[in-house]
N, C-alpha and C. Protein backbone atom coordinates (compact mmCIF):
# COMPACT_ATOMS: atom_id res chain seq x y z
N MET A 1 15.09 4.86 -1.33
CA MET A 1 13.70 4.56 -0.99
C MET A 1 13.44 3.07 -1.24
N THR A 2 12.46 2.57 -0.53
CA THR A 2 12.11 1.15 -0.63
C THR A 2 10.62 1.01 -0.85
N ARG A 3 10.23 0.02 -1.67
CA ARG A 3 8.82 -0.30 -1.88
C ARG A 3 8.49 -1.45 -0.94
N TYR A 4 7.49 -1.26 -0.09
CA TYR A 4 7.06 -2.24 0.88
C TYR A 4 5.72 -2.83 0.44
N LEU A 5 5.66 -4.16 0.33
CA LEU A 5 4.44 -4.85 -0.07
C LEU A 5 3.81 -5.48 1.17
N PHE A 6 2.60 -5.04 1.50
CA PHE A 6 1.88 -5.53 2.68
C PHE A 6 0.63 -6.30 2.27
N GLU A 7 0.24 -7.22 3.13
CA GLU A 7 -1.07 -7.85 3.03
C GLU A 7 -2.03 -6.94 3.81
N TYR A 8 -3.27 -6.84 3.35
CA TYR A 8 -4.25 -6.08 4.11
C TYR A 8 -5.60 -6.77 4.05
N LYS A 9 -6.47 -6.39 4.99
CA LYS A 9 -7.80 -6.98 5.08
C LYS A 9 -8.82 -5.86 5.29
N ILE A 10 -9.95 -5.97 4.60
CA ILE A 10 -11.08 -5.07 4.84
C ILE A 10 -11.99 -5.80 5.83
N VAL A 11 -12.09 -5.27 7.02
CA VAL A 11 -12.78 -5.95 8.12
C VAL A 11 -14.26 -6.20 7.80
N SER A 12 -14.95 -5.22 7.26
CA SER A 12 -16.39 -5.34 7.05
C SER A 12 -16.77 -6.43 6.03
N THR A 13 -15.88 -6.70 5.08
CA THR A 13 -16.20 -7.69 4.05
C THR A 13 -15.36 -8.96 4.14
N GLY A 14 -14.26 -8.90 4.86
CA GLY A 14 -13.35 -10.03 4.95
C GLY A 14 -12.41 -10.14 3.78
N TYR A 15 -12.47 -9.18 2.87
CA TYR A 15 -11.62 -9.17 1.67
C TYR A 15 -10.14 -9.03 2.05
N VAL A 16 -9.28 -9.87 1.50
CA VAL A 16 -7.85 -9.83 1.77
C VAL A 16 -7.11 -9.66 0.45
N SER A 17 -6.14 -8.76 0.45
CA SER A 17 -5.37 -8.51 -0.76
C SER A 17 -3.99 -7.99 -0.38
N GLU A 18 -3.26 -7.47 -1.37
CA GLU A 18 -1.92 -6.93 -1.17
C GLU A 18 -1.84 -5.55 -1.77
N PHE A 19 -0.99 -4.71 -1.17
CA PHE A 19 -0.78 -3.35 -1.68
C PHE A 19 0.61 -2.91 -1.31
N SER A 20 1.26 -2.15 -2.19
CA SER A 20 2.60 -1.70 -1.90
C SER A 20 2.66 -0.17 -1.85
N HIS A 21 3.70 0.31 -1.17
CA HIS A 21 3.89 1.75 -1.00
C HIS A 21 5.38 2.03 -0.87
N VAL A 22 5.82 3.10 -1.50
CA VAL A 22 7.23 3.51 -1.40
C VAL A 22 7.37 4.51 -0.27
N ALA A 23 8.33 4.23 0.63
CA ALA A 23 8.55 5.12 1.77
C ALA A 23 10.00 4.97 2.25
N GLU A 24 10.34 5.81 3.21
CA GLU A 24 11.70 5.82 3.76
C GLU A 24 11.93 4.68 4.75
N SER A 25 10.85 4.21 5.38
CA SER A 25 10.98 3.13 6.35
C SER A 25 9.71 2.28 6.37
N GLU A 26 9.80 1.10 6.93
CA GLU A 26 8.63 0.21 7.02
C GLU A 26 7.54 0.85 7.87
N GLU A 27 7.93 1.48 8.97
CA GLU A 27 6.96 2.12 9.87
C GLU A 27 6.19 3.23 9.15
N LYS A 28 6.93 4.05 8.39
CA LYS A 28 6.30 5.15 7.65
C LYS A 28 5.36 4.59 6.58
N ALA A 29 5.79 3.56 5.89
CA ALA A 29 4.96 2.94 4.86
C ALA A 29 3.66 2.40 5.48
N LYS A 30 3.78 1.74 6.61
CA LYS A 30 2.62 1.15 7.26
C LYS A 30 1.64 2.23 7.72
N GLU A 31 2.16 3.39 8.15
CA GLU A 31 1.29 4.50 8.55
C GLU A 31 0.55 5.07 7.36
N GLU A 32 1.25 5.28 6.25
CA GLU A 32 0.69 5.96 5.09
C GLU A 32 -0.21 5.06 4.23
N ILE A 33 0.04 3.77 4.24
CA ILE A 33 -0.65 2.86 3.33
C ILE A 33 -2.13 2.67 3.68
N ARG A 34 -2.47 2.80 4.93
CA ARG A 34 -3.86 2.59 5.37
C ARG A 34 -4.81 3.58 4.65
N ALA A 35 -4.42 4.85 4.58
CA ALA A 35 -5.26 5.86 3.92
C ALA A 35 -5.38 5.58 2.43
N ARG A 36 -4.31 5.16 1.79
CA ARG A 36 -4.34 4.86 0.35
C ARG A 36 -5.24 3.68 0.06
N ILE A 37 -5.17 2.64 0.89
CA ILE A 37 -6.02 1.47 0.70
C ILE A 37 -7.49 1.86 0.91
N ALA A 38 -7.77 2.64 1.93
CA ALA A 38 -9.15 3.07 2.20
C ALA A 38 -9.72 3.82 1.01
N ASP A 39 -8.92 4.68 0.39
CA ASP A 39 -9.38 5.41 -0.80
C ASP A 39 -9.69 4.48 -1.96
N ILE A 40 -8.82 3.53 -2.19
CA ILE A 40 -8.99 2.60 -3.32
C ILE A 40 -10.18 1.68 -3.11
N GLU A 41 -10.37 1.22 -1.87
CA GLU A 41 -11.44 0.26 -1.56
C GLU A 41 -12.76 0.93 -1.17
N PHE A 42 -12.77 2.29 -1.12
CA PHE A 42 -13.97 3.06 -0.77
C PHE A 42 -14.52 2.68 0.60
N VAL A 43 -13.62 2.61 1.58
CA VAL A 43 -14.01 2.31 2.97
C VAL A 43 -13.33 3.32 3.90
N GLU A 44 -13.73 3.31 5.15
CA GLU A 44 -13.10 4.15 6.15
C GLU A 44 -11.74 3.54 6.53
N GLU A 45 -10.82 4.39 6.96
CA GLU A 45 -9.50 3.90 7.36
C GLU A 45 -9.61 2.89 8.50
N SER A 46 -10.60 3.06 9.37
CA SER A 46 -10.77 2.15 10.50
C SER A 46 -11.19 0.75 10.06
N ASP A 47 -11.63 0.61 8.82
CA ASP A 47 -12.06 -0.69 8.27
C ASP A 47 -10.90 -1.45 7.65
N VAL A 48 -9.73 -0.82 7.57
CA VAL A 48 -8.54 -1.42 6.95
C VAL A 48 -7.56 -1.91 8.02
N VAL A 49 -7.18 -3.17 7.92
CA VAL A 49 -6.16 -3.73 8.81
C VAL A 49 -4.95 -4.09 7.94
N VAL A 50 -3.84 -3.38 8.18
CA VAL A 50 -2.63 -3.67 7.45
C VAL A 50 -1.94 -4.83 8.13
N GLY A 51 -1.71 -5.89 7.37
CA GLY A 51 -1.14 -7.12 7.94
C GLY A 51 0.36 -7.20 7.79
N LYS A 52 0.80 -8.42 7.52
CA LYS A 52 2.23 -8.69 7.50
C LYS A 52 2.92 -8.09 6.28
N LEU A 53 4.19 -7.78 6.45
CA LEU A 53 5.03 -7.34 5.35
C LEU A 53 5.39 -8.56 4.52
N ILE A 54 5.08 -8.54 3.25
CA ILE A 54 5.33 -9.69 2.38
C ILE A 54 6.73 -9.63 1.80
N LYS A 55 7.12 -8.44 1.27
CA LYS A 55 8.49 -8.30 0.76
C LYS A 55 8.81 -6.84 0.56
N THR A 56 10.09 -6.58 0.37
CA THR A 56 10.55 -5.24 0.07
C THR A 56 11.31 -5.25 -1.26
N LEU A 57 11.24 -4.14 -1.96
CA LEU A 57 11.93 -3.99 -3.23
C LEU A 57 12.67 -2.65 -3.23
N ASP A 58 13.83 -2.62 -3.82
CA ASP A 58 14.60 -1.37 -3.92
C ASP A 58 13.89 -0.48 -4.94
N ALA A 59 13.50 0.71 -4.51
CA ALA A 59 12.80 1.63 -5.40
C ALA A 59 13.69 2.80 -5.80
N THR A 60 14.96 2.74 -5.45
CA THR A 60 15.89 3.79 -5.81
C THR A 60 16.14 3.79 -7.31
N ASN A 61 16.13 4.96 -7.90
CA ASN A 61 16.38 5.13 -9.34
C ASN A 61 15.39 4.37 -10.20
N ARG A 62 14.18 4.17 -9.74
CA ARG A 62 13.14 3.53 -10.53
C ARG A 62 12.04 4.55 -10.81
N TYR A 63 11.52 4.52 -11.99
CA TYR A 63 10.49 5.47 -12.39
C TYR A 63 9.28 4.69 -12.91
N TYR A 64 8.13 4.94 -12.31
CA TYR A 64 6.91 4.28 -12.72
C TYR A 64 5.93 5.35 -13.21
N GLU A 65 5.31 5.09 -14.33
CA GLU A 65 4.35 6.04 -14.86
C GLU A 65 3.09 5.29 -15.28
N CYS A 66 1.96 5.79 -14.82
CA CYS A 66 0.71 5.14 -15.19
C CYS A 66 0.42 5.40 -16.67
N GLU A 67 -0.40 4.57 -17.27
CA GLU A 67 -0.70 4.69 -18.69
C GLU A 67 -1.32 6.04 -19.02
N GLY A 68 -2.22 6.52 -18.17
CA GLY A 68 -2.87 7.80 -18.40
C GLY A 68 -1.92 8.98 -18.27
N CYS A 69 -0.88 8.84 -17.46
CA CYS A 69 0.05 9.94 -17.25
C CYS A 69 1.01 10.13 -18.43
N SER A 70 1.22 9.09 -19.21
CA SER A 70 2.17 9.17 -20.31
C SER A 70 1.55 9.73 -21.59
N ALA A 71 0.26 9.95 -21.58
CA ALA A 71 -0.43 10.44 -22.77
C ALA A 71 -0.23 11.93 -22.96
């Protein structure tokens, strides 16, 4: 698996940021990331524009745990 880091923009506010997603391919990551960004930014999916791919990272054999999950 690979972690894909994308730039994104919220159209209604002009806000630009970055978000990453682990997926099997860049295309799959780009499809799935829009819904995740919309949830985090509290906007509709249609308000999210996923931009350029910034970088990829190998996510094989890596384990990430949020602080709340480890309690």
